[in-house]
Amino acid sequence: MIDGAGAHMETQYSAADLTERKRRRIRLARLEADIAYFQARLEMIGEPKTANQLTQRKAFVLLLKTVSTKVAKVQRERPG
């Protein structure tokens, strides 16, 4: 009985590991989509011609850097 319970616990841990891996993959995909969006917005703004465009550009550059840092962190957390 104890061996059977141990095998069941092992299965639960494996399921938990799979769920965590799935969450990481989803989080990474969302962050990468955010990066693509920020890059596209920066491309659309181009060289700012107005104060509003300059402000938008600064905001998107900051967001891009922040999200890129998060992507690097998530990638480091991934199990080998």
N, C-alpha and C. Protein backbone atom coordinates (compact mmCIF):
# COMPACT_ATOMS: atom_id res chain seq x y z
N MET A 1 0.81 -1.20 0.00
CA MET A 1 0.00 0.00 0.00
C MET A 1 0.86 1.27 0.00
N ILE A 2 1.90 1.26 0.77
CA ILE A 2 2.75 2.44 0.84
C ILE A 2 3.39 2.70 -0.52
N ASP A 3 3.86 1.64 -1.17
CA ASP A 3 4.47 1.81 -2.50
C ASP A 3 3.47 2.39 -3.49
N GLY A 4 2.23 1.93 -3.44
CA GLY A 4 1.19 2.46 -4.32
C GLY A 4 0.93 3.92 -4.06
N ALA A 5 0.91 4.30 -2.79
CA ALA A 5 0.70 5.71 -2.44
C ALA A 5 1.87 6.55 -2.93
N GLY A 6 3.08 6.01 -2.82
CA GLY A 6 4.26 6.74 -3.29
C GLY A 6 4.21 6.96 -4.79
N ALA A 7 3.77 5.96 -5.52
CA ALA A 7 3.65 6.10 -6.98
C ALA A 7 2.61 7.15 -7.33
N HIS A 8 1.52 7.17 -6.56
CA HIS A 8 0.48 8.16 -6.80
C HIS A 8 1.02 9.57 -6.54
N MET A 9 1.78 9.75 -5.48
CA MET A 9 2.37 11.05 -5.17
C MET A 9 3.32 11.48 -6.28
N GLU A 10 4.10 10.52 -6.79
CA GLU A 10 5.02 10.82 -7.86
C GLU A 10 4.28 11.31 -9.10
N THR A 11 3.14 10.71 -9.40
CA THR A 11 2.32 11.12 -10.53
C THR A 11 1.79 12.53 -10.32
N GLN A 12 1.40 12.84 -9.09
CA GLN A 12 0.90 14.19 -8.79
C GLN A 12 2.00 15.22 -9.01
N TYR A 13 3.21 14.91 -8.57
CA TYR A 13 4.30 15.86 -8.77
C TYR A 13 4.58 16.04 -10.25
N SER A 14 4.52 14.99 -11.00
CA SER A 14 4.76 15.09 -12.43
C SER A 14 3.69 15.95 -13.09
N ALA A 15 2.44 15.78 -12.68
CA ALA A 15 1.36 16.61 -13.22
C ALA A 15 1.57 18.07 -12.84
N ALA A 16 2.01 18.31 -11.61
CA ALA A 16 2.27 19.68 -11.17
C ALA A 16 3.42 20.29 -11.96
N ASP A 17 4.45 19.48 -12.22
CA ASP A 17 5.58 19.97 -13.02
C ASP A 17 5.13 20.33 -14.43
N LEU A 18 4.28 19.49 -15.02
CA LEU A 18 3.78 19.76 -16.37
C LEU A 18 2.95 21.03 -16.39
N THR A 19 2.13 21.22 -15.36
CA THR A 19 1.30 22.42 -15.28
C THR A 19 2.19 23.66 -15.17
N GLU A 20 3.23 23.58 -14.35
CA GLU A 20 4.14 24.72 -14.19
C GLU A 20 4.88 25.01 -15.50
N ARG A 21 5.29 23.99 -16.20
CA ARG A 21 5.96 24.19 -17.49
C ARG A 21 5.02 24.85 -18.49
N LYS A 22 3.77 24.40 -18.48
CA LYS A 22 2.77 24.98 -19.38
C LYS A 22 2.57 26.45 -19.05
N ARG A 23 2.48 26.78 -17.77
CA ARG A 23 2.32 28.19 -17.36
C ARG A 23 3.50 29.03 -17.81
N ARG A 24 4.70 28.50 -17.67
CA ARG A 24 5.90 29.24 -18.10
C ARG A 24 5.87 29.48 -19.60
N ARG A 25 5.52 28.45 -20.36
CA ARG A 25 5.46 28.60 -21.83
C ARG A 25 4.43 29.65 -22.23
N ILE A 26 3.28 29.63 -21.57
CA ILE A 26 2.23 30.61 -21.87
C ILE A 26 2.70 32.00 -21.49
N ARG A 27 3.32 32.13 -20.32
CA ARG A 27 3.81 33.44 -19.88
C ARG A 27 4.86 33.97 -20.86
N LEU A 28 5.77 33.09 -21.27
CA LEU A 28 6.80 33.49 -22.21
C LEU A 28 6.20 33.91 -23.55
N ALA A 29 5.23 33.18 -24.03
CA ALA A 29 4.56 33.53 -25.29
C ALA A 29 3.87 34.88 -25.20
N ARG A 30 3.22 35.13 -24.07
CA ARG A 30 2.55 36.43 -23.89
C ARG A 30 3.55 37.57 -23.86
N LEU A 31 4.65 37.38 -23.15
CA LEU A 31 5.68 38.42 -23.08
C LEU A 31 6.29 38.66 -24.45
N GLU A 32 6.53 37.60 -25.21
CA GLU A 32 7.08 37.76 -26.55
C GLU A 32 6.10 38.48 -27.47
N ALA A 33 4.81 38.23 -27.29
CA ALA A 33 3.79 38.95 -28.07
C ALA A 33 3.80 40.43 -27.71
N ASP A 34 3.97 40.73 -26.42
CA ASP A 34 4.07 42.13 -25.99
C ASP A 34 5.27 42.81 -26.64
N ILE A 35 6.39 42.11 -26.67
CA ILE A 35 7.60 42.67 -27.29
C ILE A 35 7.34 42.98 -28.76
N ALA A 36 6.71 42.07 -29.47
CA ALA A 36 6.41 42.28 -30.89
C ALA A 36 5.50 43.51 -31.06
N TYR A 37 4.53 43.66 -30.16
CA TYR A 37 3.62 44.80 -30.23
C TYR A 37 4.39 46.11 -30.02
N PHE A 38 5.24 46.14 -28.99
CA PHE A 38 6.00 47.37 -28.71
C PHE A 38 6.94 47.70 -29.87
N GLN A 39 7.56 46.69 -30.45
CA GLN A 39 8.44 46.93 -31.59
C GLN A 39 7.66 47.49 -32.78
N ALA A 40 6.47 46.96 -33.01
CA ALA A 40 5.64 47.45 -34.11
C ALA A 40 5.22 48.90 -33.86
N ARG A 41 4.85 49.21 -32.64
CA ARG A 41 4.47 50.59 -32.33
C ARG A 41 5.64 51.54 -32.53
N LEU A 42 6.82 51.13 -32.10
CA LEU A 42 8.00 51.96 -32.30
C LEU A 42 8.28 52.16 -33.78
N GLU A 43 8.10 51.11 -34.55
CA GLU A 43 8.30 51.20 -36.00
C GLU A 43 7.29 52.18 -36.62
N MET A 44 6.06 52.12 -36.15
CA MET A 44 5.02 53.01 -36.68
C MET A 44 5.30 54.47 -36.32
N ILE A 45 5.80 54.70 -35.13
CA ILE A 45 6.10 56.07 -34.70
C ILE A 45 7.26 56.63 -35.50
N GLY A 46 8.27 55.80 -35.73
CA GLY A 46 9.44 56.25 -36.48
C GLY A 46 10.14 57.39 -35.75
N GLU A 47 10.60 58.36 -36.52
CA GLU A 47 11.21 59.54 -35.91
C GLU A 47 10.09 60.46 -35.43
N PRO A 48 10.04 60.73 -34.14
CA PRO A 48 8.95 61.56 -33.61
C PRO A 48 8.97 62.97 -34.21
N LYS A 49 7.78 63.41 -34.61
CA LYS A 49 7.64 64.75 -35.17
C LYS A 49 6.90 65.68 -34.21
N THR A 50 6.27 65.10 -33.21
CA THR A 50 5.52 65.90 -32.24
C THR A 50 5.94 65.48 -30.83
N ALA A 51 5.58 66.33 -29.88
CA ALA A 51 5.87 66.01 -28.47
C ALA A 51 5.13 64.74 -28.05
N ASN A 52 3.91 64.56 -28.56
CA ASN A 52 3.14 63.36 -28.24
C ASN A 52 3.84 62.10 -28.75
N GLN A 53 4.33 62.15 -29.97
CA GLN A 53 5.05 61.00 -30.53
C GLN A 53 6.33 60.72 -29.75
N LEU A 54 7.01 61.77 -29.34
CA LEU A 54 8.23 61.60 -28.56
C LEU A 54 7.93 60.91 -27.23
N THR A 55 6.84 61.34 -26.59
CA THR A 55 6.43 60.73 -25.33
C THR A 55 6.04 59.27 -25.53
N GLN A 56 5.29 59.00 -26.59
CA GLN A 56 4.92 57.61 -26.89
C GLN A 56 6.16 56.76 -27.13
N ARG A 57 7.09 57.31 -27.88
CA ARG A 57 8.32 56.57 -28.19
C ARG A 57 9.08 56.24 -26.90
N LYS A 58 9.21 57.22 -26.02
CA LYS A 58 9.90 56.98 -24.75
C LYS A 58 9.19 55.90 -23.94
N ALA A 59 7.86 55.95 -23.92
CA ALA A 59 7.09 54.96 -23.15
C ALA A 59 7.27 53.56 -23.74
N PHE A 60 7.20 53.44 -25.05
CA PHE A 60 7.34 52.12 -25.67
C PHE A 60 8.76 51.57 -25.56
N VAL A 61 9.75 52.44 -25.60
CA VAL A 61 11.14 51.98 -25.39
C VAL A 61 11.29 51.44 -23.98
N LEU A 62 10.74 52.15 -23.00
CA LEU A 62 10.80 51.69 -21.61
C LEU A 62 10.05 50.37 -21.43
N LEU A 63 8.86 50.28 -22.00
CA LEU A 63 8.09 49.04 -21.91
C LEU A 63 8.84 47.88 -22.58
N LEU A 64 9.44 48.15 -23.71
CA LEU A 64 10.20 47.11 -24.43
C LEU A 64 11.36 46.60 -23.57
N LYS A 65 12.08 47.52 -22.94
CA LYS A 65 13.20 47.12 -22.08
C LYS A 65 12.71 46.31 -20.88
N THR A 66 11.63 46.76 -20.27
CA THR A 66 11.09 46.09 -19.09
C THR A 66 10.63 44.68 -19.42
N VAL A 67 9.88 44.54 -20.50
CA VAL A 67 9.36 43.23 -20.88
C VAL A 67 10.50 42.32 -21.34
N SER A 68 11.49 42.87 -22.01
CA SER A 68 12.64 42.07 -22.43
C SER A 68 13.38 41.51 -21.21
N THR A 69 13.47 42.31 -20.16
CA THR A 69 14.08 41.85 -18.91
C THR A 69 13.27 40.71 -18.30
N LYS A 70 11.94 40.84 -18.36
CA LYS A 70 11.07 39.77 -17.83
C LYS A 70 11.23 38.49 -18.63
N VAL A 71 11.36 38.61 -19.94
CA VAL A 71 11.55 37.42 -20.79
C VAL A 71 12.85 36.71 -20.39
N ALA A 72 13.90 37.48 -20.21
CA ALA A 72 15.19 36.89 -19.81
C ALA A 72 15.05 36.17 -18.47
N LYS A 73 14.31 36.77 -17.55
CA LYS A 73 14.11 36.16 -16.23
C LYS A 73 13.34 34.84 -16.35
N VAL A 74 12.27 34.84 -17.13
CA VAL A 74 11.48 33.62 -17.32
C VAL A 74 12.32 32.53 -17.98
N GLN A 75 13.15 32.91 -18.93
CA GLN A 75 14.00 31.93 -19.61
C GLN A 75 15.03 31.34 -18.65
N ARG A 76 15.55 32.15 -17.74
CA ARG A 76 16.50 31.63 -16.75
C ARG A 76 15.83 30.68 -15.77
N GLU A 77 14.55 30.91 -15.48
CA GLU A 77 13.81 30.08 -14.54
C GLU A 77 13.46 28.72 -15.12
N ARG A 78 13.47 28.60 -16.43
CA ARG A 78 13.06 27.35 -17.08
C ARG A 78 13.97 26.21 -16.68
N PRO A 79 13.37 25.10 -16.35
CA PRO A 79 14.20 23.94 -16.01
C PRO A 79 14.95 23.44 -17.24
N GLY A 80 16.17 22.99 -17.02
CA GLY A 80 17.03 22.54 -18.11
C GLY A 80 16.57 21.34 -18.76
